[in-house]
Structures are given as structure tokens and as C-alpha cells.
């Protein structure tokens, strides 16, 4: 389980990006973090994945642990070895490398050839278009296909907890709906997910729990379905005033639903 307690993070010792945040990601759950630009969502993921120092950020106080292991003092490679893998905002694939080379890069830390082969089969089963385009350079893929590749590359490390930073950013509504299905399927296969999103409809539709960040602080938290029905979340994030049923605006993936393979 991921546990964050009273976390304070600054940039340059002056800009407070996260202020006293506490949250948990239980094993086997999808947890969504909502908030506008500048709310501290990406900083939170950087702290968890060990990349905060690369962006000149610093944990001033508080703790971040995963299965009892302290994450604050660890670098990104150590975080991956613990089972934490991040898909960054903007996808950040290797454009000059082929699809297959991108996937191999994602599994470099795993020396078990059988495990890597199984992980690649899992990725190609989830995203068959990547198998079809395995020899194509990443830069030539569409935006939706690049997002598939970014998620697939992360899955090559067989993560216990997948960190997703704005996976719907810049994509068409049809593809966003498919992202929600993919996240639900990844979770059904046994991977916990921490989903940072501005698209609250999609995020709340797949999440078990949710937190709302406002200027670096947790302003709301709780069961995702219940949270989606609050007036504040409906007004600020779901685009209506609470006069209708929240379920009419949600993208809930029913339990046991078969994943319609993402073909973009």
C-alpha cells in the first residue's frame, strides 16, 4: 500500500507546491487525484516516483512509503525496483525508437527473460495495434497510439502500482473513454493505479477512491462514486449543478466488463 502523510513539497525552497497532503492507495485499488493546473498533482507523482529532485523540488516534511519502504530518499530506479512505475504527462516515448524498442526499454530492469516475454504478450494483447506496428518508429504513431505505447512501456516493468499523469491530455473523447476501459482492465489484472487527471468524468468513472487537490492541499476525499455526487464536484469538475443524476455523466466501467481492445 502507498501511504502519504502530511507531505510538504517546495521548489527552490520558496514555492510551496504541496501542503500537508495525506492520502493512501490501498492494494488492488484505483485512486484518482483531481485538480486544476497548479494544484500540485504532478508534484505529488514526482515525489512518489523519485523524480522530484530532477525538477529541483524538495520534500520539506512528511513521509511517503510503499509497502513500508521509505520513498523520499530513493531515486527513480530504486522506485521502479520496488514496483512503482510512472507514465509521465505528455507520454514522453522515444520517438526515434521503434515500438518494440520502446517496450524493450521499459523492461530493461527485469533480467527474467520469461517475465519480460510474458509482459510483452500482455501489452500486445491489450494493445494489438502496437503489435501490428512493432517495427514503426514511435514518433510516427498517432497521439492515441503513443499513449498506448507509453502505458505499454510502463507495464513492461510489471509494476505493483502504476502512476498515470494526465493520460487523457490532448486526446479525442472516444480515445479518452477507451483509456478508462484500459485502466479498469489493468487494475483487474492485479495492478493498483494512482490516476492523476483533469478529466473528472473519466477518472471518477474508473476509480474506487478519489482526492481533490486545491492549491496543494486536499480539499475533498472519499469514495469516488459518492464524491461524484457532491454538489461541489459536480459543479467544478463534471460541468453541471447537481440537478441531475451524476450517473448520467459518468463513465463507469461495470465490474466484469470485457475490455474492447484499444485500436485507436
C-alpha atoms as a PDB file:
ATOM      1  CA  UNK A   1       0.000   0.000   0.000  1.00  0.00           C
ATOM      2  CA  UNK A   2       1.140   3.542  -0.778  1.00  0.00           C
ATOM      3  CA  UNK A   3       0.838   5.896   2.192  1.00  0.00           C
ATOM      4  CA  UNK A   4       1.440   9.661   2.173  1.00  0.00           C
ATOM      5  CA  UNK A   5       1.361  11.525   5.457  1.00  0.00           C
ATOM      6  CA  UNK A   6       1.466  15.314   6.000  1.00  0.00           C
ATOM      7  CA  UNK A   7       3.604  15.873   2.895  1.00  0.00           C
ATOM      8  CA  UNK A   8       5.062  19.329   2.227  1.00  0.00           C
ATOM      9  CA  UNK A   9       6.991  19.941  -1.016  1.00  0.00           C
ATOM     10  CA  UNK A  10       8.672  23.113  -2.258  1.00  0.00           C
ATOM     11  CA  UNK A  11      10.554  24.244  -5.356  1.00  0.00           C
ATOM     12  CA  UNK A  12      13.599  26.426  -4.837  1.00  0.00           C
ATOM     13  CA  UNK A  13      12.882  26.471  -1.126  1.00  0.00           C
ATOM     14  CA  UNK A  14      10.199  29.086  -1.699  1.00  0.00           C
ATOM     15  CA  UNK A  15       7.307  27.887  -3.859  1.00  0.00           C
ATOM     16  CA  UNK A  16       5.014  25.579  -1.886  1.00  0.00           C
ATOM     17  CA  UNK A  17       3.560  23.066  -4.320  1.00  0.00           C
ATOM     18  CA  UNK A  18       2.163  20.512  -1.851  1.00  0.00           C
ATOM     19  CA  UNK A  19       0.948  21.494   1.624  1.00  0.00           C
ATOM     20  CA  UNK A  20       0.264  18.849   4.230  1.00  0.00           C
ATOM     21  CA  UNK A  21      -1.165  16.254   1.846  1.00  0.00           C
ATOM     22  CA  UNK A  22      -2.145  12.873   3.305  1.00  0.00           C
ATOM     23  CA  UNK A  23      -3.605  10.035   1.233  1.00  0.00           C
ATOM     24  CA  UNK A  24      -3.474   6.293   0.680  1.00  0.00           C
ATOM     25  CA  UNK A  25      -3.600   3.939  -2.283  1.00  0.00           C
ATOM     26  CA  UNK A  26      -4.728   0.533  -0.972  1.00  0.00           C
ATOM     27  CA  UNK A  27      -3.551  -2.618  -2.721  1.00  0.00           C
ATOM     28  CA  UNK A  28      -5.708  -3.566  -5.677  1.00  0.00           C
ATOM     29  CA  UNK A  29      -7.493  -0.214  -5.945  1.00  0.00           C
ATOM     30  CA  UNK A  30      -7.698   2.641  -8.444  1.00  0.00           C
ATOM     31  CA  UNK A  31      -7.298   6.030  -6.760  1.00  0.00           C
ATOM     32  CA  UNK A  32      -7.951   9.255  -8.680  1.00  0.00           C
ATOM     33  CA  UNK A  33      -6.420  12.637  -7.877  1.00  0.00           C
ATOM     34  CA  UNK A  34      -8.349  15.567  -9.352  1.00  0.00           C
ATOM     35  CA  UNK A  35      -7.490  19.230  -9.523  1.00  0.00           C
ATOM     36  CA  UNK A  36      -6.862  22.129 -11.850  1.00  0.00           C
ATOM     37  CA  UNK A  37      -3.486  23.173 -13.253  1.00  0.00           C
ATOM     38  CA  UNK A  38      -1.126  24.150 -10.444  1.00  0.00           C
ATOM     39  CA  UNK A  39      -2.973  22.127  -7.812  1.00  0.00           C
ATOM     40  CA  UNK A  40       0.109  20.003  -7.074  1.00  0.00           C
ATOM     41  CA  UNK A  41      -0.915  16.796  -8.851  1.00  0.00           C
ATOM     42  CA  UNK A  42       2.253  16.322 -10.897  1.00  0.00           C
ATOM     43  CA  UNK A  43       4.450  17.273  -7.935  1.00  0.00           C
ATOM     44  CA  UNK A  44       2.761  14.533  -5.953  1.00  0.00           C
ATOM     45  CA  UNK A  45       3.638  11.932  -8.599  1.00  0.00           C
ATOM     46  CA  UNK A  46       7.200  13.199  -8.871  1.00  0.00           C
ATOM     47  CA  UNK A  47       7.620  12.741  -5.139  1.00  0.00           C
ATOM     48  CA  UNK A  48       6.336   9.182  -5.273  1.00  0.00           C
ATOM     49  CA  UNK A  49       8.387   8.145  -8.324  1.00  0.00           C
ATOM     50  CA  UNK A  50      11.658   9.672  -7.121  1.00  0.00           C
ATOM     51  CA  UNK A  51      11.905  12.254  -9.918  1.00  0.00           C
ATOM     52  CA  UNK A  52      11.234  15.307  -7.734  1.00  0.00           C
ATOM     53  CA  UNK A  53      14.910  16.213  -7.329  1.00  0.00           C
ATOM     54  CA  UNK A  54      15.336  16.222 -11.107  1.00  0.00           C
ATOM     55  CA  UNK A  55      12.895  19.156 -11.149  1.00  0.00           C
ATOM     56  CA  UNK A  56      14.641  20.954  -8.241  1.00  0.00           C
ATOM     57  CA  UNK A  57      11.891  20.074  -5.820  1.00  0.00           C
ATOM     58  CA  UNK A  58      12.402  19.122  -2.186  1.00  0.00           C
ATOM     59  CA  UNK A  59      10.361  17.324   0.448  1.00  0.00           C
ATOM     60  CA  UNK A  60      10.387  19.685   3.425  1.00  0.00           C
ATOM     61  CA  UNK A  61       8.470  17.382   5.776  1.00  0.00           C
ATOM     62  CA  UNK A  62       6.131  14.425   5.868  1.00  0.00           C
ATOM     63  CA  UNK A  63       6.526  10.851   4.674  1.00  0.00           C
ATOM     64  CA  UNK A  64       5.858   8.721   1.597  1.00  0.00           C
ATOM     65  CA  UNK A  65       6.038   4.944   1.991  1.00  0.00           C
ATOM     66  CA  UNK A  66       5.237   1.968  -0.204  1.00  0.00           C
ATOM     67  CA  UNK A  67       4.767  -1.406   1.453  1.00  0.00           C
ATOM     68  CA  UNK A  68       6.636   0.041   4.418  1.00  0.00           C
ATOM     69  CA  UNK A  69       9.639   1.281   2.379  1.00  0.00           C
ATOM     70  CA  UNK A  70      10.518   4.983   2.544  1.00  0.00           C
ATOM     71  CA  UNK A  71      10.329   6.617  -0.915  1.00  0.00           C
ATOM     72  CA  UNK A  72      11.524  10.126  -0.100  1.00  0.00           C
ATOM     73  CA  UNK A  73      15.217   9.212  -0.183  1.00  0.00           C
ATOM     74  CA  UNK A  74      15.038   6.899  -3.210  1.00  0.00           C
ATOM     75  CA  UNK A  75      15.890   7.617  -6.843  1.00  0.00           C
ATOM     76  CA  UNK A  76      13.658   6.648  -9.801  1.00  0.00           C
ATOM     77  CA  UNK A  77      15.479   3.366 -10.495  1.00  0.00           C
ATOM     78  CA  UNK A  78      15.032   2.270  -6.889  1.00  0.00           C
ATOM     79  CA  UNK A  79      11.336   3.191  -7.034  1.00  0.00           C
ATOM     80  CA  UNK A  80      10.894   1.037 -10.141  1.00  0.00           C
ATOM     81  CA  UNK A  81      12.588  -1.892  -8.427  1.00  0.00           C
ATOM     82  CA  UNK A  82      10.063  -1.540  -5.612  1.00  0.00           C
ATOM     83  CA  UNK A  83       7.246  -1.811  -8.161  1.00  0.00           C
ATOM     84  CA  UNK A  84       6.346   1.854  -8.800  1.00  0.00           C
ATOM     85  CA  UNK A  85       6.292   2.936 -12.451  1.00  0.00           C
ATOM     86  CA  UNK A  86       5.149   6.315 -13.778  1.00  0.00           C
ATOM     87  CA  UNK A  87       3.659   7.199 -17.165  1.00  0.00           C
ATOM     88  CA  UNK A  88       4.541  10.906 -17.460  1.00  0.00           C
ATOM     89  CA  UNK A  89       2.310  13.658 -18.758  1.00  0.00           C
ATOM     90  CA  UNK A  90       2.739  14.119 -22.486  1.00  0.00           C
ATOM     91  CA  UNK A  91       3.648  10.433 -22.952  1.00  0.00           C
ATOM     92  CA  UNK A  92       7.421  11.029 -23.440  1.00  0.00           C
ATOM     93  CA  UNK A  93       8.044   7.995 -25.617  1.00  0.00           C
ATOM     94  CA  UNK A  94      11.332   7.561 -27.501  1.00  0.00           C
ATOM     95  CA  UNK A  95      10.298   8.914 -30.886  1.00  0.00           C
ATOM     96  CA  UNK A  96      13.329   7.642 -32.804  1.00  0.00           C
ATOM     97  CA  UNK A  97      12.979   4.119 -31.457  1.00  0.00           C
ATOM     98  CA  UNK A  98      10.524   1.582 -32.798  1.00  0.00           C
ATOM     99  CA  UNK A  99       7.517   0.399 -30.831  1.00  0.00           C
ATOM    100  CA  UNK A 100       9.311  -2.825 -29.932  1.00  0.00           C
ATOM    101  CA  UNK A 101      12.456  -0.951 -28.874  1.00  0.00           C
ATOM    102  CA  UNK A 102      10.373   1.330 -26.644  1.00  0.00           C
ATOM    103  CA  UNK A 103       8.836  -1.714 -24.983  1.00  0.00           C
ATOM    104  CA  UNK A 104      12.222  -3.361 -24.514  1.00  0.00           C
ATOM    105  CA  UNK A 105      13.450  -0.164 -22.859  1.00  0.00           C
ATOM    106  CA  UNK A 106      10.580  -0.400 -20.394  1.00  0.00           C
ATOM    107  CA  UNK A 107      11.637  -3.905 -19.385  1.00  0.00           C
ATOM    108  CA  UNK A 108      15.386  -3.292 -19.125  1.00  0.00           C
ATOM    109  CA  UNK A 109      15.371  -3.545 -15.346  1.00  0.00           C
ATOM    110  CA  UNK A 110      13.941  -7.056 -15.451  1.00  0.00           C
ATOM    111  CA  UNK A 111      16.551  -9.752 -16.104  1.00  0.00           C
ATOM    112  CA  UNK A 112      13.996 -12.544 -16.193  1.00  0.00           C
ATOM    113  CA  UNK A 113      13.521 -13.260 -19.917  1.00  0.00           C
ATOM    114  CA  UNK A 114      10.372 -15.283 -19.324  1.00  0.00           C
ATOM    115  CA  UNK A 115       8.832 -12.454 -17.285  1.00  0.00           C
ATOM    116  CA  UNK A 116       9.696  -9.905 -19.980  1.00  0.00           C
ATOM    117  CA  UNK A 117       8.193 -12.093 -22.678  1.00  0.00           C
ATOM    118  CA  UNK A 118       5.018 -12.504 -20.618  1.00  0.00           C
ATOM    119  CA  UNK A 119       4.833  -8.738 -20.043  1.00  0.00           C
ATOM    120  CA  UNK A 120       5.211  -8.061 -23.772  1.00  0.00           C
ATOM    121  CA  UNK A 121       2.472 -10.569 -24.596  1.00  0.00           C
ATOM    122  CA  UNK A 122       0.262  -8.759 -22.067  1.00  0.00           C
ATOM    123  CA  UNK A 123       0.933  -5.404 -23.745  1.00  0.00           C
ATOM    124  CA  UNK A 124       0.285  -6.730 -27.246  1.00  0.00           C
ATOM    125  CA  UNK A 125      -2.911  -8.444 -26.083  1.00  0.00           C
ATOM    126  CA  UNK A 126      -4.144  -5.179 -24.573  1.00  0.00           C
ATOM    127  CA  UNK A 127      -2.987  -3.027 -27.495  1.00  0.00           C
ATOM    128  CA  UNK A 128      -2.970  -5.171 -30.665  1.00  0.00           C
ATOM    129  CA  UNK A 129      -2.194  -2.158 -32.852  1.00  0.00           C
ATOM    130  CA  UNK A 130       1.218  -1.945 -31.176  1.00  0.00           C
ATOM    131  CA  UNK A 131       1.998  -5.480 -32.316  1.00  0.00           C
ATOM    132  CA  UNK A 132       0.941  -4.560 -35.831  1.00  0.00           C
ATOM    133  CA  UNK A 133       3.276  -1.551 -35.741  1.00  0.00           C
ATOM    134  CA  UNK A 134       6.095  -3.064 -33.719  1.00  0.00           C
ATOM    135  CA  UNK A 135       8.721  -2.025 -36.284  1.00  0.00           C
ATOM    136  CA  UNK A 136       7.371   1.533 -36.707  1.00  0.00           C
ATOM    137  CA  UNK A 137       9.078   4.487 -35.053  1.00  0.00           C
ATOM    138  CA  UNK A 138       7.256   5.913 -32.073  1.00  0.00           C
ATOM    139  CA  UNK A 139       7.205   9.441 -33.486  1.00  0.00           C
ATOM    140  CA  UNK A 140       5.069   8.258 -36.414  1.00  0.00           C
ATOM    141  CA  UNK A 141       2.247   6.962 -34.210  1.00  0.00           C
ATOM    142  CA  UNK A 142      -0.924   8.942 -33.598  1.00  0.00           C
ATOM    143  CA  UNK A 143      -1.447  10.629 -30.234  1.00  0.00           C
ATOM    144  CA  UNK A 144      -3.684   7.815 -29.034  1.00  0.00           C
ATOM    145  CA  UNK A 145      -1.220   5.178 -30.178  1.00  0.00           C
ATOM    146  CA  UNK A 146       1.628   6.985 -28.437  1.00  0.00           C
ATOM    147  CA  UNK A 147      -0.385   6.909 -25.213  1.00  0.00           C
ATOM    148  CA  UNK A 148      -0.877   3.175 -25.690  1.00  0.00           C
ATOM    149  CA  UNK A 149       2.871   2.815 -26.118  1.00  0.00           C
ATOM    150  CA  UNK A 150       3.643   4.908 -23.022  1.00  0.00           C
ATOM    151  CA  UNK A 151       1.325   2.756 -20.902  1.00  0.00           C
ATOM    152  CA  UNK A 152       2.631  -0.425 -22.503  1.00  0.00           C
ATOM    153  CA  UNK A 153       6.236   0.574 -21.842  1.00  0.00           C
ATOM    154  CA  UNK A 154       5.389   1.079 -18.162  1.00  0.00           C
ATOM    155  CA  UNK A 155       3.656  -2.304 -17.982  1.00  0.00           C
ATOM    156  CA  UNK A 156       6.853  -3.973 -19.252  1.00  0.00           C
ATOM    157  CA  UNK A 157       8.300  -3.371 -15.774  1.00  0.00           C
ATOM    158  CA  UNK A 158       5.430  -5.411 -14.243  1.00  0.00           C
ATOM    159  CA  UNK A 159       4.537  -2.665 -11.734  1.00  0.00           C
ATOM    160  CA  UNK A 160       2.671  -3.232  -8.499  1.00  0.00           C
ATOM    161  CA  UNK A 161       1.478   0.391  -8.656  1.00  0.00           C
ATOM    162  CA  UNK A 162       1.072   2.286 -11.934  1.00  0.00           C
ATOM    163  CA  UNK A 163       1.262   6.088 -11.739  1.00  0.00           C
ATOM    164  CA  UNK A 164      -0.623   7.796 -14.568  1.00  0.00           C
ATOM    165  CA  UNK A 165      -0.149  11.533 -15.111  1.00  0.00           C
ATOM    166  CA  UNK A 166      -2.940  13.050 -17.247  1.00  0.00           C
ATOM    167  CA  UNK A 167      -3.255  10.102 -19.683  1.00  0.00           C
ATOM    168  CA  UNK A 168      -6.226  11.717 -21.463  1.00  0.00           C
ATOM    169  CA  UNK A 169      -4.435  15.005 -22.175  1.00  0.00           C
ATOM    170  CA  UNK A 170      -4.880  16.160 -25.770  1.00  0.00           C
ATOM    171  CA  UNK A 171      -6.800  13.086 -26.914  1.00  0.00           C
ATOM    172  CA  UNK A 172     -10.184  12.774 -28.603  1.00  0.00           C
ATOM    173  CA  UNK A 173     -13.244  11.958 -26.436  1.00  0.00           C
ATOM    174  CA  UNK A 174     -13.574   8.484 -27.975  1.00  0.00           C
ATOM    175  CA  UNK A 175      -9.979   7.648 -27.041  1.00  0.00           C
ATOM    176  CA  UNK A 176     -10.465   9.039 -23.523  1.00  0.00           C
ATOM    177  CA  UNK A 177     -13.298   6.588 -22.970  1.00  0.00           C
ATOM    178  CA  UNK A 178     -11.023   3.762 -24.075  1.00  0.00           C
ATOM    179  CA  UNK A 179      -8.350   4.921 -21.653  1.00  0.00           C
ATOM    180  CA  UNK A 180     -10.847   4.420 -18.853  1.00  0.00           C
ATOM    181  CA  UNK A 181     -11.502   0.874 -20.030  1.00  0.00           C
ATOM    182  CA  UNK A 182      -7.766   0.157 -20.230  1.00  0.00           C
ATOM    183  CA  UNK A 183      -7.184   1.439 -16.680  1.00  0.00           C
ATOM    184  CA  UNK A 184     -10.003  -0.757 -15.397  1.00  0.00           C
ATOM    185  CA  UNK A 185      -8.539  -3.772 -17.205  1.00  0.00           C
ATOM    186  CA  UNK A 186      -5.026  -3.135 -15.853  1.00  0.00           C
ATOM    187  CA  UNK A 187      -6.497  -2.994 -12.361  1.00  0.00           C
ATOM    188  CA  UNK A 188      -8.498  -6.196 -12.883  1.00  0.00           C
ATOM    189  CA  UNK A 189      -5.245  -7.906 -13.825  1.00  0.00           C
ATOM    190  CA  UNK A 190      -3.859  -7.081 -10.386  1.00  0.00           C
ATOM    191  CA  UNK A 191      -2.087  -3.730 -10.709  1.00  0.00           C
ATOM    192  CA  UNK A 192      -3.009  -0.854  -8.396  1.00  0.00           C
ATOM    193  CA  UNK A 193      -3.352   2.535 -10.114  1.00  0.00           C
ATOM    194  CA  UNK A 194      -2.871   6.122  -8.995  1.00  0.00           C
ATOM    195  CA  UNK A 195      -4.533   8.256 -11.650  1.00  0.00           C
ATOM    196  CA  UNK A 196      -3.883  11.997 -11.830  1.00  0.00           C
ATOM    197  CA  UNK A 197      -6.456  13.604 -14.117  1.00  0.00           C
ATOM    198  CA  UNK A 198      -8.264  16.808 -15.034  1.00  0.00           C
ATOM    199  CA  UNK A 199     -10.950  14.789 -16.816  1.00  0.00           C
ATOM    200  CA  UNK A 200     -13.045  14.063 -13.746  1.00  0.00           C
ATOM    201  CA  UNK A 201     -15.747  12.179 -15.626  1.00  0.00           C
ATOM    202  CA  UNK A 202     -13.320   9.512 -16.802  1.00  0.00           C
ATOM    203  CA  UNK A 203     -11.301   9.441 -13.578  1.00  0.00           C
ATOM    204  CA  UNK A 204     -14.269   9.091 -11.239  1.00  0.00           C
ATOM    205  CA  UNK A 205     -15.766   6.511 -13.569  1.00  0.00           C
ATOM    206  CA  UNK A 206     -12.922   4.035 -13.014  1.00  0.00           C
ATOM    207  CA  UNK A 207     -11.685   4.970  -9.526  1.00  0.00           C
ATOM    208  CA  UNK A 208     -12.565   3.346  -6.227  1.00  0.00           C
ATOM    209  CA  UNK A 209     -11.359   6.320  -4.165  1.00  0.00           C
ATOM    210  CA  UNK A 210     -10.681   9.932  -5.071  1.00  0.00           C
ATOM    211  CA  UNK A 211      -8.942  13.014  -3.725  1.00  0.00           C
ATOM    212  CA  UNK A 212      -9.372  16.600  -4.876  1.00  0.00           C
ATOM    213  CA  UNK A 213      -6.319  18.873  -4.638  1.00  0.00           C
ATOM    214  CA  UNK A 214      -6.748  22.625  -4.417  1.00  0.00           C
ATOM    215  CA  UNK A 215      -3.601  24.793  -4.342  1.00  0.00           C
ATOM    216  CA  UNK A 216      -1.523  21.947  -2.952  1.00  0.00           C
ATOM    217  CA  UNK A 217      -3.986  20.805  -0.294  1.00  0.00           C
ATOM    218  CA  UNK A 218      -6.581  18.028  -0.132  1.00  0.00           C
ATOM    219  CA  UNK A 219      -9.968  19.745  -0.179  1.00  0.00           C
ATOM    220  CA  UNK A 220     -12.167  16.660  -0.641  1.00  0.00           C
ATOM    221  CA  UNK A 221     -11.653  12.912  -0.412  1.00  0.00           C
ATOM    222  CA  UNK A 222     -13.648   9.708  -0.227  1.00  0.00           C
ATOM    223  CA  UNK A 223     -15.394   7.023  -2.239  1.00  0.00           C
ATOM    224  CA  UNK A 224     -15.264   8.018  -5.925  1.00  0.00           C
ATOM    225  CA  UNK A 225     -18.933   7.348  -6.624  1.00  0.00           C
ATOM    226  CA  UNK A 226     -20.072   9.287  -3.559  1.00  0.00           C
ATOM    227  CA  UNK A 227     -17.668  12.116  -4.321  1.00  0.00           C
ATOM    228  CA  UNK A 228     -19.012  12.441  -7.855  1.00  0.00           C
ATOM    229  CA  UNK A 229     -22.463  13.098  -6.403  1.00  0.00           C
ATOM    230  CA  UNK A 230     -21.432  16.039  -4.249  1.00  0.00           C
ATOM    231  CA  UNK A 231     -22.553  19.463  -5.428  1.00  0.00           C
ATOM    232  CA  UNK A 232     -19.024  20.864  -5.398  1.00  0.00           C
ATOM    233  CA  UNK A 233     -17.507  18.153  -7.586  1.00  0.00           C
ATOM    234  CA  UNK A 234     -20.450  18.203  -9.990  1.00  0.00           C
ATOM    235  CA  UNK A 235     -20.241  21.979 -10.314  1.00  0.00           C
ATOM    236  CA  UNK A 236     -16.451  22.326 -10.597  1.00  0.00           C
ATOM    237  CA  UNK A 237     -15.445  19.121 -12.381  1.00  0.00           C
ATOM    238  CA  UNK A 238     -18.442  17.452 -14.000  1.00  0.00           C
ATOM    239  CA  UNK A 239     -19.908  20.538 -15.611  1.00  0.00           C
ATOM    240  CA  UNK A 240     -23.369  20.597 -14.057  1.00  0.00           C
ATOM    241  CA  UNK A 241     -25.040  21.891 -10.923  1.00  0.00           C
ATOM    242  CA  UNK A 242     -26.232  18.682  -9.288  1.00  0.00           C
ATOM    243  CA  UNK A 243     -29.773  18.915 -10.637  1.00  0.00           C
ATOM    244  CA  UNK A 244     -29.463  15.597 -12.472  1.00  0.00           C
ATOM    245  CA  UNK A 245     -28.152  12.184 -11.594  1.00  0.00           C
ATOM    246  CA  UNK A 246     -24.364  12.005 -11.533  1.00  0.00           C
ATOM    247  CA  UNK A 247     -24.515   8.595 -13.145  1.00  0.00           C
ATOM    248  CA  UNK A 248     -25.783  10.216 -16.340  1.00  0.00           C
ATOM    249  CA  UNK A 249     -22.413  11.937 -16.761  1.00  0.00           C
ATOM    250  CA  UNK A 250     -20.093   9.198 -15.542  1.00  0.00           C
ATOM    251  CA  UNK A 251     -18.028   6.674 -17.472  1.00  0.00           C
ATOM    252  CA  UNK A 252     -18.324   3.795 -15.029  1.00  0.00           C
ATOM    253  CA  UNK A 253     -16.832   0.553 -16.357  1.00  0.00           C
ATOM    254  CA  UNK A 254     -19.069  -2.180 -14.915  1.00  0.00           C
ATOM    255  CA  UNK A 255     -17.445  -4.975 -12.946  1.00  0.00           C
ATOM    256  CA  UNK A 256     -16.593  -7.914 -15.171  1.00  0.00           C
ATOM    257  CA  UNK A 257     -16.979  -5.992 -18.417  1.00  0.00           C
ATOM    258  CA  UNK A 258     -14.774  -7.264 -21.206  1.00  0.00           C
ATOM    259  CA  UNK A 259     -12.248  -4.740 -22.450  1.00  0.00           C
ATOM    260  CA  UNK A 260     -12.932  -3.622 -26.009  1.00  0.00           C
ATOM    261  CA  UNK A 261      -9.385  -3.650 -27.332  1.00  0.00           C
ATOM    262  CA  UNK A 262      -7.984  -0.204 -27.902  1.00  0.00           C
ATOM    263  CA  UNK A 263      -7.318   0.142 -31.603  1.00  0.00           C
ATOM    264  CA  UNK A 264      -7.373   3.963 -31.908  1.00  0.00           C
END
